[in-house]
Amino acid sequence: MVQRAILVGINRADSEREKSEDLLEELALLSETAGAVNAGRVLKTVKKIDPAYYLSKGMLEDIKVLILKDAADLAIIDVNLSPAQERNMSEYVGVNVIDRTRLILDIFATRARTAESKYQVELAMLNYILPRLKGSGIILSRTGAGIGTRGPGETKLETDRRKVRQRITYIKDKLKLAEKTRGLHRDTRKKQGLSTATLVGYTNSGKTTMFSALTKRGGNGENKLFATLGTKMAGVYDKDSKRKVIISDTVGFIQNLPLFLVESFKSTLEEAVHSNVLIHVIDPTQKDALRKSEEVIKILDSIGAGEKKTIVVLNKIDLLTSARVRFLQTKLEQLTGNSVIPVSAKTGDNIGMLKEKIFNNV
């Protein structure tokens, strides 16, 4: 059954209203990606957080009215709630309330394809669920179905905290083994004289299509958030120098990505850390593309890849005027301190120029 969701954005200061509206728009995209129908939305300015409900009773009453008016059966709030706040809000408004993190985890649960990405999603899910368990013997599967109930952690386990921690340890061991295997592959590539370039960027920036355009492998990406969760790798060959570079595509980033989620995907993201050069793909058609590129830089800093040599790529130029491309190139060069290559992964415009840049920088 398709769920109807009321989206609740949070504005913490008048000066940040534009950013809050942008985040609410992103929440709408996340909600649609999870399969919900966005029945309505509201932006609330919160000057003081209520420790029990996060929002004031007056704000909750407004949301309750919206839920009834729009026949919604779910509310999604664009912050990270404590377990008590999530529970109290759900009871107050009469429908299930989930926060931004739970929504992202729900999407990840439906996107995981490889064994490693499934383990990574389960680890993130369990780290999210653990503080929400009250005592032992709690059944993690909620009643009903739909957004906020999916994911391997909840569907597989009916258990207590001790067993959840045991499962977390087991998954971490599995991921360490995958990390060790990946390290051996890196050592083999180094012995063979192969360099690596890693595609990074905001989710839905066109990294997967860029991967395909560079390597002729993998097909075009989907126009969806988090279309890629695992790491894909393929080689690109330069006939003139007779050199080969391995290109890798990793999970996309997003604003306010919880730290434990970054930690869960650390073994995948480490490809960026060990890469010879990063290819930062930017989608100029996304609202507030410059701020989103800053968010990518911030996350790269947090995983230890902030000082890596970086090629900045302005993607999807087939959708822009020449004047707009030149304007964004200038802005991005000021922001990143790197020259910016305008490219269309879809049409192939300037892909040759990008390949040349990659081989000159590895």
Foldseek 3Di string as FASTA:
>chain_A
DAFEEEEEFEAADPVCVVVRVLLSVVVCQLCVLQRHHHQYYDYDYDPDADLQARDDLVVLVVVLVSCVVSVGQEYEYADQHQLRNQVVSCVSSVHHYYYPQQSVLSSQQVQDDDPLSLLLSLLLVLVSCLNNDDAWQAQQQDPDDGRSRDHPNRVPDRITNVVSVVSNVVSVVVLVVVLVVVVVVVVVCVVVVEAEEEEAEAFQLFQQLLVCLQAVDDDGFDNGGFNDAAKDWHWHADPVVRGIYIYIYHTYDDPPNDPSSCVSSLSRVCCLVPHQEYEYRFEPVRPPRVVRSVVRLVVCVVSNNNPHHYAYEHEPCVVDDPVVVVVVQVVVCVVPVHHYHYAYSVVGPCSVVVVVVVVVRD
